[in-house]
Amino acid sequence: MMQMIRYTDPFRAFMREVAGDENRARGWAPTLDIAETDDAYLVSVELPGVDPASVEISLDDGVLEIEGTKSIDKAEETRWHRTERRAGDFVRQIRLPNQVDAESIEAECRHGVLSVKLPKRVENKSRKIEVREVK
């Protein structure tokens, strides 16, 4: 089973208390979904407004890491009355199960949704072995 990696960094905990919001203390984190089929795990990450070229996906020691930058163009001559969209650097990490075939991972971005397909390794299926009589 996949696990989201959570850190218990004392400094970040302190910043959450000071800022009152975890996302303000560490930037922002895009939302994601994790699903499973018979053949693969599927990770979908919402990245509206993020240039796919600024997204990097890596796999290291069983951890899938998705990182990138979302920028919002705020022209200097514009007076902003309200901004609710998050921007900046982001990182999401997911610990992968052992049965993922790391060599066959695929990723694509369509309409602001990054889809990462993590195929399962083909394991040897159980089978019956016939015992032959030797004379």
Protein backbone atom coordinates (compact mmCIF):
# COMPACT_ATOMS: atom_id res chain seq x y z
CA MET A 1 0.00 0.00 0.00
CA MET A 2 1.21 3.52 -0.80
CA GLN A 3 1.85 5.94 2.03
CA MET A 4 2.03 9.70 2.09
CA ILE A 5 5.22 10.78 3.80
CA ARG A 6 4.66 13.09 6.74
CA TYR A 7 7.52 14.84 8.48
CA THR A 8 7.49 15.85 12.12
CA ASP A 9 9.94 18.69 11.82
CA PRO A 10 9.84 20.77 15.03
CA PHE A 11 10.55 23.98 13.11
CA ARG A 12 7.61 23.39 10.78
CA ALA A 13 5.35 22.60 13.75
CA PHE A 14 6.43 25.90 15.29
CA MET A 15 5.76 27.75 12.03
CA ARG A 16 2.28 26.18 11.81
CA GLU A 17 1.53 27.52 15.28
CA VAL A 18 2.84 30.97 14.39
CA ALA A 19 1.24 31.15 10.95
CA GLY A 20 -1.92 29.27 11.88
CA ASP A 21 -1.93 27.41 8.59
CA GLU A 22 0.32 24.55 7.47
CA ASN A 23 0.28 25.64 3.83
CA ARG A 24 1.50 29.14 4.63
CA ALA A 25 4.34 27.66 6.67
CA ARG A 26 5.62 25.49 3.84
CA GLY A 27 4.34 27.07 0.61
CA TRP A 28 1.51 25.11 -0.94
CA ALA A 29 0.78 21.55 -1.90
CA PRO A 30 -1.41 20.49 -4.82
CA THR A 31 -4.15 18.00 -4.07
CA LEU A 32 -3.76 14.46 -5.30
CA ASP A 33 -5.66 11.20 -5.60
CA ILE A 34 -4.22 7.69 -5.52
CA ALA A 35 -6.12 4.78 -7.09
CA GLU A 36 -5.35 1.15 -7.85
CA THR A 37 -6.28 -1.17 -10.67
CA ASP A 38 -5.32 -4.81 -11.12
CA ASP A 39 -2.28 -3.75 -13.17
CA ALA A 40 -1.17 -0.38 -11.76
CA TYR A 41 -1.36 2.40 -9.21
CA LEU A 42 -2.61 5.72 -10.57
CA VAL A 43 -1.68 9.10 -9.09
CA SER A 44 -3.56 12.21 -10.23
CA VAL A 45 -2.30 15.63 -9.14
CA GLU A 46 -4.21 18.87 -9.71
CA LEU A 47 -1.81 21.40 -11.21
CA PRO A 48 -3.91 24.16 -12.80
CA GLY A 49 -1.77 26.98 -14.09
CA VAL A 50 1.46 24.99 -13.70
CA ASP A 51 3.69 24.68 -16.75
CA PRO A 52 4.34 20.92 -17.22
CA ALA A 53 7.95 21.80 -18.11
CA SER A 54 8.44 23.07 -14.55
CA VAL A 55 7.37 19.75 -13.01
CA GLU A 56 9.99 17.17 -12.08
CA ILE A 57 9.17 13.59 -11.13
CA SER A 58 11.79 11.37 -9.55
CA LEU A 59 11.98 8.01 -7.85
CA ASP A 60 14.53 7.42 -5.13
CA ASP A 61 14.63 4.58 -2.63
CA GLY A 62 10.96 3.69 -3.13
CA VAL A 63 9.69 7.28 -2.83
CA LEU A 64 7.99 9.00 -5.76
CA GLU A 65 8.61 12.74 -5.60
CA ILE A 66 6.66 15.29 -7.63
CA GLU A 67 7.95 18.85 -7.43
CA GLY A 68 7.59 22.05 -9.35
CA THR A 69 6.69 25.71 -9.29
CA LYS A 70 3.44 27.54 -9.84
CA SER A 71 3.76 31.21 -10.65
CA ILE A 72 1.05 33.81 -10.92
CA ASP A 73 1.72 36.85 -13.06
CA LYS A 74 0.90 39.87 -10.94
CA ALA A 75 1.57 42.94 -13.02
CA GLU A 76 3.00 45.82 -10.99
CA GLU A 77 0.56 48.36 -12.40
CA THR A 78 -2.41 46.26 -11.25
CA ARG A 79 -3.95 46.91 -7.82
CA TRP A 80 -4.98 43.58 -6.41
CA HIS A 81 -8.03 43.60 -4.13
CA ARG A 82 -7.96 39.91 -3.30
CA THR A 83 -5.75 36.95 -4.16
CA GLU A 84 -6.70 33.44 -3.10
CA ARG A 85 -4.69 31.36 -5.54
CA ARG A 86 -1.60 29.70 -4.10
CA ALA A 87 1.72 29.97 -5.86
CA GLY A 88 5.32 29.02 -5.29
CA ASP A 89 7.32 25.83 -5.05
CA PHE A 90 5.67 22.55 -4.13
CA VAL A 91 6.78 19.01 -3.32
CA ARG A 92 4.63 15.90 -2.88
CA GLN A 93 6.18 12.58 -1.83
CA ILE A 94 4.59 9.13 -1.90
CA ARG A 95 6.20 5.94 -0.58
CA LEU A 96 5.60 3.24 -3.18
CA PRO A 97 4.79 -0.39 -2.52
CA ASN A 98 7.49 -2.92 -3.40
CA GLN A 99 5.56 -4.34 -6.34
CA VAL A 100 5.85 -1.17 -8.52
CA ASP A 101 7.82 -1.62 -11.76
CA ALA A 102 10.04 1.47 -11.53
CA GLU A 103 11.28 1.12 -15.11
CA SER A 104 7.76 1.42 -16.59
CA ILE A 105 6.42 4.54 -14.83
CA GLU A 106 4.67 6.96 -17.20
CA ALA A 107 3.45 10.53 -16.69
CA GLU A 108 1.34 12.95 -18.70
CA CYS A 109 -0.34 16.28 -18.05
CA ARG A 110 -3.72 17.12 -19.56
CA HIS A 111 -5.97 20.08 -18.74
CA GLY A 112 -4.02 20.88 -15.57
CA VAL A 113 -4.08 17.35 -14.17
CA LEU A 114 -0.85 15.39 -13.93
CA SER A 115 -1.43 11.62 -14.26
CA VAL A 116 1.30 9.22 -13.17
CA LYS A 117 0.86 5.53 -13.94
CA LEU A 118 2.88 3.15 -11.78
CA PRO A 119 2.60 -0.35 -13.29
CA LYS A 120 2.80 -3.30 -10.93
CA ARG A 121 5.58 -5.78 -11.48
CA VAL A 122 4.50 -9.03 -13.01
CA GLU A 123 5.04 -11.55 -10.26
CA ASN A 124 5.31 -15.23 -10.87
CA LYS A 125 1.80 -16.59 -10.56
CA SER A 126 1.29 -19.55 -8.32
CA ARG A 127 1.04 -22.82 -10.15
CA LYS A 128 0.89 -26.48 -9.41
CA ILE A 129 4.00 -28.47 -10.08
CA GLU A 130 3.55 -32.01 -11.14
CA VAL A 131 5.74 -34.58 -9.42
CA ARG A 132 7.09 -37.08 -11.90
CA GLU A 133 7.96 -40.57 -10.91
CA VAL A 134 11.53 -41.46 -11.77
CA LYS A 135 12.35 -45.14 -12.42
